[in-house]
Amino acid sequence: MNEEKTRIRDLTKGESFGFLGFEIRRVRTRSGRWMPLRTPQAKKATAIRQKLKECFRRYRSQPLSGLIATINPILRGWVTYFSTGHSSQCFSRLRDWVEAMIRRHLAQAQKRRGFGWKRWDRQWLYDSLGLFNDYRVKYVASLPQAAPA
């Protein structure tokens, strides 16, 4: 263990720490008990938006099908990795951002201004264009308990 890089964090004093892309801190639930809250780190959310922004720039004058085929695997992998924590707020922000960028791409292709909120229905983006839409947090069922002997 590297003594210089190792730090001890006391979660009972409101401190948090980052591990494998998650920020972990201790919070109180509605029922009053303490639990660990695992959310994606802000720098990881920024990194995925930066990576997707490069894809949007690269496909600026290309057909939308190629762009969607490029960003769908990136989104699917990132969302699947972070789906085990408490990531729903981060997922909603990412979903809204991707949807706005797709709308802007469509509008610029038609030489229009804005995002086309009234022109293109949200369901049409996901059903017809095939944009990734599985932004769900997956809950792991508790392990089966051993029967007493």
N, C-alpha and C. Protein backbone atom coordinates (compact mmCIF):
# COMPACT_ATOMS: atom_id res chain seq x y z
N MET A 1 0.84 -1.16 0.00
CA MET A 1 0.00 0.00 0.00
C MET A 1 0.90 1.24 0.00
N ASN A 2 0.58 2.18 -0.86
CA ASN A 2 1.36 3.41 -0.96
C ASN A 2 0.90 4.39 0.12
N GLU A 3 1.75 4.69 1.06
CA GLU A 3 1.41 5.55 2.20
C GLU A 3 1.13 6.99 1.77
N GLU A 4 1.78 7.46 0.70
CA GLU A 4 1.59 8.84 0.26
C GLU A 4 0.23 9.04 -0.40
N LYS A 5 -0.26 8.02 -1.09
CA LYS A 5 -1.52 8.15 -1.80
C LYS A 5 -2.73 7.73 -0.96
N THR A 6 -2.50 7.03 0.12
CA THR A 6 -3.58 6.50 0.93
C THR A 6 -4.04 7.54 1.94
N ARG A 7 -5.36 7.78 1.95
CA ARG A 7 -5.95 8.70 2.92
C ARG A 7 -7.10 8.00 3.61
N ILE A 8 -7.32 8.33 4.85
CA ILE A 8 -8.44 7.77 5.59
C ILE A 8 -9.55 8.81 5.63
N ARG A 9 -10.75 8.40 5.23
CA ARG A 9 -11.91 9.28 5.22
C ARG A 9 -12.90 8.81 6.28
N ASP A 10 -13.46 9.74 7.02
CA ASP A 10 -14.45 9.41 8.03
C ASP A 10 -15.81 9.84 7.50
N LEU A 11 -16.61 8.87 7.06
CA LEU A 11 -17.91 9.18 6.48
C LEU A 11 -18.89 9.72 7.51
N THR A 12 -18.66 9.42 8.78
CA THR A 12 -19.56 9.93 9.82
C THR A 12 -19.41 11.44 10.01
N LYS A 13 -18.32 12.02 9.52
CA LYS A 13 -18.11 13.47 9.62
C LYS A 13 -18.51 14.19 8.34
N GLY A 14 -19.20 13.50 7.44
CA GLY A 14 -19.67 14.14 6.21
C GLY A 14 -18.68 14.11 5.07
N GLU A 15 -17.59 13.41 5.22
CA GLU A 15 -16.60 13.32 4.15
C GLU A 15 -17.07 12.30 3.10
N SER A 16 -16.50 12.38 1.93
CA SER A 16 -16.80 11.43 0.87
C SER A 16 -15.50 11.02 0.19
N PHE A 17 -15.57 9.99 -0.63
CA PHE A 17 -14.39 9.58 -1.38
C PHE A 17 -14.82 9.03 -2.73
N GLY A 18 -13.89 9.04 -3.66
CA GLY A 18 -14.13 8.52 -4.99
C GLY A 18 -13.47 7.17 -5.18
N PHE A 19 -14.21 6.26 -5.81
CA PHE A 19 -13.67 4.93 -6.06
C PHE A 19 -14.28 4.38 -7.33
N LEU A 20 -13.46 4.02 -8.31
CA LEU A 20 -13.88 3.44 -9.58
C LEU A 20 -14.94 4.28 -10.29
N GLY A 21 -14.80 5.60 -10.24
CA GLY A 21 -15.72 6.49 -10.94
C GLY A 21 -16.94 6.89 -10.14
N PHE A 22 -17.13 6.31 -8.97
CA PHE A 22 -18.27 6.64 -8.12
C PHE A 22 -17.81 7.56 -7.00
N GLU A 23 -18.67 8.45 -6.58
CA GLU A 23 -18.45 9.23 -5.37
C GLU A 23 -19.31 8.59 -4.29
N ILE A 24 -18.70 8.23 -3.19
CA ILE A 24 -19.40 7.50 -2.13
C ILE A 24 -19.45 8.38 -0.89
N ARG A 25 -20.65 8.59 -0.38
CA ARG A 25 -20.83 9.34 0.86
C ARG A 25 -21.97 8.72 1.66
N ARG A 26 -22.05 9.09 2.89
CA ARG A 26 -23.05 8.52 3.80
C ARG A 26 -24.21 9.50 3.95
N VAL A 27 -25.44 9.00 3.74
CA VAL A 27 -26.63 9.84 3.87
C VAL A 27 -27.68 9.11 4.70
N ARG A 28 -28.61 9.88 5.19
CA ARG A 28 -29.71 9.31 5.97
C ARG A 28 -30.91 9.10 5.04
N THR A 29 -31.54 7.93 5.13
CA THR A 29 -32.71 7.64 4.30
C THR A 29 -33.95 8.28 4.91
N ARG A 30 -35.07 8.16 4.22
CA ARG A 30 -36.32 8.72 4.74
C ARG A 30 -36.77 8.03 6.01
N SER A 31 -36.42 6.76 6.13
CA SER A 31 -36.80 6.02 7.33
C SER A 31 -35.86 6.31 8.51
N GLY A 32 -34.78 7.05 8.27
CA GLY A 32 -33.90 7.46 9.35
C GLY A 32 -32.64 6.64 9.52
N ARG A 33 -32.45 5.61 8.72
CA ARG A 33 -31.22 4.83 8.86
C ARG A 33 -30.15 5.38 7.91
N TRP A 34 -28.90 5.07 8.20
CA TRP A 34 -27.78 5.53 7.38
C TRP A 34 -27.51 4.53 6.27
N MET A 35 -27.11 5.06 5.10
CA MET A 35 -26.76 4.20 3.96
C MET A 35 -25.69 4.88 3.12
N PRO A 36 -24.92 4.09 2.37
CA PRO A 36 -23.94 4.70 1.45
C PRO A 36 -24.64 5.12 0.16
N LEU A 37 -24.34 6.31 -0.31
CA LEU A 37 -24.90 6.83 -1.55
C LEU A 37 -23.79 6.81 -2.59
N ARG A 38 -24.01 6.09 -3.69
CA ARG A 38 -23.00 5.96 -4.75
C ARG A 38 -23.51 6.67 -6.00
N THR A 39 -22.91 7.78 -6.32
CA THR A 39 -23.28 8.53 -7.52
C THR A 39 -22.07 8.63 -8.44
N PRO A 40 -22.28 8.80 -9.74
CA PRO A 40 -21.14 8.99 -10.64
C PRO A 40 -20.41 10.29 -10.30
N GLN A 41 -19.10 10.26 -10.37
CA GLN A 41 -18.33 11.47 -10.11
C GLN A 41 -18.62 12.50 -11.20
N ALA A 42 -18.57 13.75 -10.82
CA ALA A 42 -18.84 14.84 -11.77
C ALA A 42 -17.87 14.81 -12.94
N LYS A 43 -16.61 14.48 -12.68
CA LYS A 43 -15.63 14.47 -13.77
C LYS A 43 -15.90 13.34 -14.76
N LYS A 44 -16.54 12.26 -14.32
CA LYS A 44 -16.89 11.17 -15.24
C LYS A 44 -18.07 11.58 -16.12
N ALA A 45 -19.03 12.31 -15.56
CA ALA A 45 -20.15 12.81 -16.35
C ALA A 45 -19.67 13.83 -17.37
N THR A 46 -18.73 14.67 -16.97
CA THR A 46 -18.15 15.65 -17.90
C THR A 46 -17.36 14.95 -19.00
N ALA A 47 -16.66 13.89 -18.65
CA ALA A 47 -15.85 13.16 -19.63
C ALA A 47 -16.73 12.50 -20.70
N ILE A 48 -17.88 11.94 -20.29
CA ILE A 48 -18.75 11.30 -21.29
C ILE A 48 -19.35 12.35 -22.23
N ARG A 49 -19.71 13.50 -21.68
CA ARG A 49 -20.25 14.57 -22.54
C ARG A 49 -19.18 15.07 -23.51
N GLN A 50 -17.94 15.16 -23.05
CA GLN A 50 -16.84 15.60 -23.92
C GLN A 50 -16.60 14.59 -25.04
N LYS A 51 -16.65 13.31 -24.71
CA LYS A 51 -16.46 12.27 -25.72
C LYS A 51 -17.58 12.28 -26.75
N LEU A 52 -18.81 12.48 -26.28
CA LEU A 52 -19.95 12.55 -27.20
C LEU A 52 -19.91 13.81 -28.04
N LYS A 53 -19.42 14.90 -27.46
CA LYS A 53 -19.31 16.16 -28.20
C LYS A 53 -18.36 16.02 -29.37
N GLU A 54 -17.27 15.26 -29.17
CA GLU A 54 -16.35 15.00 -30.28
C GLU A 54 -17.04 14.22 -31.39
N CYS A 55 -17.88 13.26 -31.02
CA CYS A 55 -18.63 12.49 -32.03
C CYS A 55 -19.59 13.40 -32.79
N PHE A 56 -20.27 14.30 -32.08
CA PHE A 56 -21.19 15.22 -32.75
C PHE A 56 -20.44 16.14 -33.71
N ARG A 57 -19.25 16.57 -33.31
CA ARG A 57 -18.46 17.42 -34.21
C ARG A 57 -18.01 16.66 -35.45
N ARG A 58 -17.58 15.42 -35.25
CA ARG A 58 -17.08 14.61 -36.36
C ARG A 58 -18.18 14.32 -37.38
N TYR A 59 -19.42 14.15 -36.91
CA TYR A 59 -20.53 13.80 -37.80
C TYR A 59 -21.41 15.01 -38.11
N ARG A 60 -20.86 16.22 -38.04
CA ARG A 60 -21.66 17.43 -38.23
C ARG A 60 -22.39 17.45 -39.57
N SER A 61 -21.72 17.09 -40.65
CA SER A 61 -22.35 17.15 -41.97
C SER A 61 -22.68 15.76 -42.50
N GLN A 62 -22.71 14.77 -41.62
CA GLN A 62 -22.98 13.39 -42.02
C GLN A 62 -24.44 13.02 -41.71
N PRO A 63 -24.92 11.93 -42.28
CA PRO A 63 -26.29 11.50 -41.96
C PRO A 63 -26.43 11.13 -40.49
N LEU A 64 -27.64 11.28 -39.99
CA LEU A 64 -27.91 11.06 -38.58
C LEU A 64 -27.76 9.59 -38.19
N SER A 65 -28.01 8.68 -39.12
CA SER A 65 -27.92 7.26 -38.80
C SER A 65 -26.49 6.87 -38.40
N GLY A 66 -25.50 7.44 -39.06
CA GLY A 66 -24.10 7.17 -38.71
C GLY A 66 -23.74 7.71 -37.34
N LEU A 67 -24.25 8.89 -37.03
CA LEU A 67 -24.01 9.50 -35.72
C LEU A 67 -24.61 8.66 -34.61
N ILE A 68 -25.85 8.22 -34.79
CA ILE A 68 -26.52 7.42 -33.77
C ILE A 68 -25.83 6.07 -33.61
N ALA A 69 -25.38 5.49 -34.71
CA ALA A 69 -24.66 4.22 -34.64
C ALA A 69 -23.33 4.38 -33.89
N THR A 70 -22.77 5.57 -33.88
CA THR A 70 -21.51 5.82 -33.17
C THR A 70 -21.74 6.09 -31.68
N ILE A 71 -22.77 6.86 -31.35
CA ILE A 71 -22.95 7.25 -29.95
C ILE A 71 -23.70 6.21 -29.13
N ASN A 72 -24.52 5.38 -29.75
CA ASN A 72 -25.29 4.38 -28.99
C ASN A 72 -24.41 3.43 -28.17
N PRO A 73 -23.34 2.83 -28.74
CA PRO A 73 -22.50 1.94 -27.92
C PRO A 73 -21.80 2.67 -26.78
N ILE A 74 -21.42 3.93 -27.01
CA ILE A 74 -20.77 4.71 -25.96
C ILE A 74 -21.75 4.93 -24.81
N LEU A 75 -22.97 5.35 -25.14
CA LEU A 75 -23.99 5.58 -24.12
C LEU A 75 -24.35 4.29 -23.39
N ARG A 76 -24.53 3.22 -24.14
CA ARG A 76 -24.92 1.94 -23.53
C ARG A 76 -23.86 1.46 -22.54
N GLY A 77 -22.60 1.56 -22.90
CA GLY A 77 -21.54 1.12 -22.00
C GLY A 77 -21.44 1.98 -20.75
N TRP A 78 -21.53 3.30 -20.90
CA TRP A 78 -21.42 4.19 -19.76
C TRP A 78 -22.60 4.01 -18.80
N VAL A 79 -23.80 3.94 -19.35
CA VAL A 79 -25.00 3.78 -18.52
C VAL A 79 -25.00 2.42 -17.84
N THR A 80 -24.58 1.38 -18.52
CA THR A 80 -24.54 0.05 -17.91
C THR A 80 -23.54 0.02 -16.75
N TYR A 81 -22.41 0.69 -16.91
CA TYR A 81 -21.41 0.70 -15.83
C TYR A 81 -21.95 1.41 -14.59
N PHE A 82 -22.59 2.56 -14.78
CA PHE A 82 -23.04 3.35 -13.64
C PHE A 82 -24.47 3.01 -13.20
N SER A 83 -25.08 1.98 -13.75
CA SER A 83 -26.47 1.68 -13.41
C SER A 83 -26.62 0.99 -12.07
N THR A 84 -25.54 0.64 -11.40
CA THR A 84 -25.66 -0.05 -10.13
C THR A 84 -25.73 0.91 -8.96
N GLY A 85 -25.44 2.17 -9.15
CA GLY A 85 -25.46 3.13 -8.06
C GLY A 85 -26.75 3.94 -8.04
N HIS A 86 -26.67 5.11 -7.47
CA HIS A 86 -27.80 6.04 -7.40
C HIS A 86 -27.58 7.10 -8.47
N SER A 87 -27.86 6.72 -9.72
CA SER A 87 -27.44 7.53 -10.86
C SER A 87 -28.57 8.17 -11.63
N SER A 88 -29.79 8.11 -11.15
CA SER A 88 -30.93 8.54 -11.97
C SER A 88 -30.87 10.03 -12.32
N GLN A 89 -30.43 10.89 -11.42
CA GLN A 89 -30.33 12.32 -11.75
C GLN A 89 -29.27 12.57 -12.80
N CYS A 90 -28.16 11.90 -12.69
CA CYS A 90 -27.09 12.03 -13.68
C CYS A 90 -27.56 11.51 -15.04
N PHE A 91 -28.30 10.40 -15.04
CA PHE A 91 -28.83 9.84 -16.28
C PHE A 91 -29.82 10.80 -16.93
N SER A 92 -30.68 11.46 -16.14
CA SER A 92 -31.63 12.39 -16.75
C SER A 92 -30.94 13.57 -17.39
N ARG A 93 -29.91 14.10 -16.72
CA ARG A 93 -29.17 15.21 -17.32
C ARG A 93 -28.50 14.78 -18.62
N LEU A 94 -27.89 13.59 -18.62
CA LEU A 94 -27.23 13.10 -19.83
C LEU A 94 -28.23 12.86 -20.95
N ARG A 95 -29.37 12.27 -20.62
CA ARG A 95 -30.40 11.99 -21.62
C ARG A 95 -30.91 13.29 -22.24
N ASP A 96 -31.19 14.29 -21.42
CA ASP A 96 -31.68 15.57 -21.94
C ASP A 96 -30.62 16.24 -22.82
N TRP A 97 -29.35 16.15 -22.42
CA TRP A 97 -28.28 16.76 -23.20
C TRP A 97 -28.13 16.08 -24.55
N VAL A 98 -28.15 14.73 -24.56
CA VAL A 98 -28.02 13.99 -25.83
C VAL A 98 -29.21 14.30 -26.74
N GLU A 99 -30.39 14.35 -26.17
CA GLU A 99 -31.58 14.65 -26.96
C GLU A 99 -31.50 16.04 -27.58
N ALA A 100 -31.03 17.02 -26.82
CA ALA A 100 -30.88 18.37 -27.35
C ALA A 100 -29.85 18.41 -28.47
N MET A 101 -28.76 17.68 -28.32
CA MET A 101 -27.74 17.66 -29.36
C MET A 101 -28.25 16.99 -30.64
N ILE A 102 -29.03 15.94 -30.50
CA ILE A 102 -29.63 15.28 -31.68
C ILE A 102 -30.60 16.24 -32.37
N ARG A 103 -31.41 16.93 -31.57
CA ARG A 103 -32.36 17.89 -32.14
C ARG A 103 -31.62 19.02 -32.86
N ARG A 104 -30.53 19.48 -32.27
CA ARG A 104 -29.76 20.54 -32.93
C ARG A 104 -29.17 20.03 -34.23
N HIS A 105 -28.69 18.78 -34.25
CA HIS A 105 -28.14 18.19 -35.47
C HIS A 105 -29.22 18.15 -36.56
N LEU A 106 -30.42 17.73 -36.19
CA LEU A 106 -31.52 17.67 -37.16
C LEU A 106 -31.88 19.06 -37.68
N ALA A 107 -31.94 20.04 -36.78
CA ALA A 107 -32.30 21.40 -37.18
C ALA A 107 -31.23 22.01 -38.10
N GLN A 108 -29.97 21.80 -37.78
CA GLN A 108 -28.91 22.35 -38.62
C GLN A 108 -28.88 21.69 -39.99
N ALA A 109 -29.25 20.41 -40.04
CA ALA A 109 -29.29 19.73 -41.34
C ALA A 109 -30.37 20.32 -42.24
N GLN A 110 -31.43 20.85 -41.62
CA GLN A 110 -32.51 21.47 -42.40
C GLN A 110 -32.37 22.99 -42.47
N LYS A 111 -31.22 23.49 -42.03
CA LYS A 111 -30.92 24.93 -42.02
C LYS A 111 -31.99 25.72 -41.26
N ARG A 112 -32.31 25.22 -40.08
CA ARG A 112 -33.28 25.89 -39.20
C ARG A 112 -32.59 26.27 -37.90
N ARG A 113 -33.22 27.18 -37.18
CA ARG A 113 -32.70 27.58 -35.88
C ARG A 113 -33.40 26.79 -34.79
N GLY A 114 -32.82 26.81 -33.62
CA GLY A 114 -33.46 26.19 -32.46
C GLY A 114 -33.24 24.70 -32.38
N PHE A 115 -34.06 24.07 -31.55
CA PHE A 115 -33.93 22.65 -31.29
C PHE A 115 -35.07 21.83 -31.85
N GLY A 116 -36.15 22.45 -32.29
CA GLY A 116 -37.28 21.72 -32.84
C GLY A 116 -38.06 20.95 -31.79
N TRP A 117 -38.30 21.58 -30.63
CA TRP A 117 -39.01 20.89 -29.56
C TRP A 117 -40.43 20.55 -29.98
N LYS A 118 -41.04 21.41 -30.80
CA LYS A 118 -42.41 21.13 -31.27
C LYS A 118 -42.42 20.28 -32.53
N ARG A 119 -41.34 20.33 -33.28
CA ARG A 119 -41.28 19.65 -34.57
C ARG A 119 -41.07 18.16 -34.43
N TRP A 120 -40.18 17.72 -33.53
CA TRP A 120 -39.85 16.31 -33.40
C TRP A 120 -40.24 15.82 -32.01
N ASP A 121 -41.10 14.85 -31.99
CA ASP A 121 -41.57 14.27 -30.74
C ASP A 121 -40.44 13.43 -30.11
N ARG A 122 -40.41 13.43 -28.79
CA ARG A 122 -39.38 12.66 -28.07
C ARG A 122 -39.48 11.17 -28.42
N GLN A 123 -40.68 10.64 -28.49
CA GLN A 123 -40.86 9.22 -28.79
C GLN A 123 -40.35 8.89 -30.20
N TRP A 124 -40.51 9.84 -31.13
CA TRP A 124 -40.05 9.62 -32.50
C TRP A 124 -38.53 9.49 -32.53
N LEU A 125 -37.84 10.29 -31.70
CA LEU A 125 -36.38 10.21 -31.67
C LEU A 125 -35.92 8.81 -31.26
N TYR A 126 -36.59 8.24 -30.28
CA TYR A 126 -36.15 6.96 -29.75
C TYR A 126 -36.67 5.78 -30.57
N ASP A 127 -37.90 5.85 -31.05
CA ASP A 127 -38.47 4.73 -31.80
C ASP A 127 -37.99 4.69 -33.25
N SER A 128 -38.12 5.80 -33.96
CA SER A 128 -37.79 5.81 -35.39
C SER A 128 -36.29 5.87 -35.65
N LEU A 129 -35.60 6.72 -34.90
CA LEU A 129 -34.16 6.89 -35.15
C LEU A 129 -33.31 5.83 -34.48
N GLY A 130 -33.85 5.18 -33.44
CA GLY A 130 -33.11 4.13 -32.75
C GLY A 130 -32.10 4.66 -31.74
N LEU A 131 -32.34 5.84 -31.20
CA LEU A 131 -31.45 6.42 -30.20
C LEU A 131 -31.55 5.60 -28.91
N PHE A 132 -30.43 5.43 -28.23
CA PHE A 132 -30.37 4.66 -26.98
C PHE A 132 -31.32 5.25 -25.96
N ASN A 133 -32.13 4.39 -25.29
CA ASN A 133 -33.16 4.89 -24.39
C ASN A 133 -33.26 4.09 -23.10
N ASP A 134 -32.27 3.31 -22.72
CA ASP A 134 -32.39 2.46 -21.54
C ASP A 134 -31.61 3.06 -20.37
N TYR A 135 -32.00 4.27 -19.97
CA TYR A 135 -31.33 4.96 -18.86
C TYR A 135 -32.00 4.53 -17.56
N ARG A 136 -31.73 3.33 -17.11
CA ARG A 136 -32.37 2.82 -15.91
C ARG A 136 -31.34 2.37 -14.91
N VAL A 137 -31.66 2.62 -13.65
CA VAL A 137 -30.84 2.12 -12.57
C VAL A 137 -31.27 0.69 -12.30
N LYS A 138 -30.33 -0.21 -12.24
CA LYS A 138 -30.66 -1.62 -12.03
C LYS A 138 -30.40 -1.97 -10.57
N TYR A 139 -31.39 -2.56 -9.95
CA TYR A 139 -31.28 -2.94 -8.55
C TYR A 139 -30.92 -4.41 -8.47
N VAL A 140 -29.93 -4.71 -7.68
CA VAL A 140 -29.49 -6.09 -7.51
C VAL A 140 -30.32 -6.69 -6.41
N ALA A 141 -30.96 -7.81 -6.72
CA ALA A 141 -31.75 -8.51 -5.70
C ALA A 141 -30.81 -9.03 -4.63
N SER A 142 -31.29 -9.06 -3.42
CA SER A 142 -30.44 -9.55 -2.33
C SER A 142 -30.15 -11.03 -2.53
N LEU A 143 -29.01 -11.43 -2.09
CA LEU A 143 -28.60 -12.81 -2.24
C LEU A 143 -29.46 -13.72 -1.37
N PRO A 144 -29.72 -14.93 -1.81
CA PRO A 144 -30.53 -15.84 -0.99
C PRO A 144 -29.82 -16.18 0.31
N GLN A 145 -30.59 -16.23 1.36
CA GLN A 145 -30.05 -16.52 2.67
C GLN A 145 -29.92 -18.03 2.86
N ALA A 146 -28.88 -18.45 3.52
CA ALA A 146 -28.67 -19.88 3.79
C ALA A 146 -29.66 -20.32 4.86
N ALA A 147 -30.18 -21.51 4.67
CA ALA A 147 -31.13 -22.05 5.65
C ALA A 147 -30.36 -22.48 6.91
N PRO A 148 -30.93 -22.20 8.07
CA PRO A 148 -30.24 -22.60 9.29
C PRO A 148 -30.13 -24.12 9.39
N ALA A 149 -29.05 -24.58 9.95
CA ALA A 149 -28.82 -26.02 10.04
C ALA A 149 -29.50 -26.64 11.22
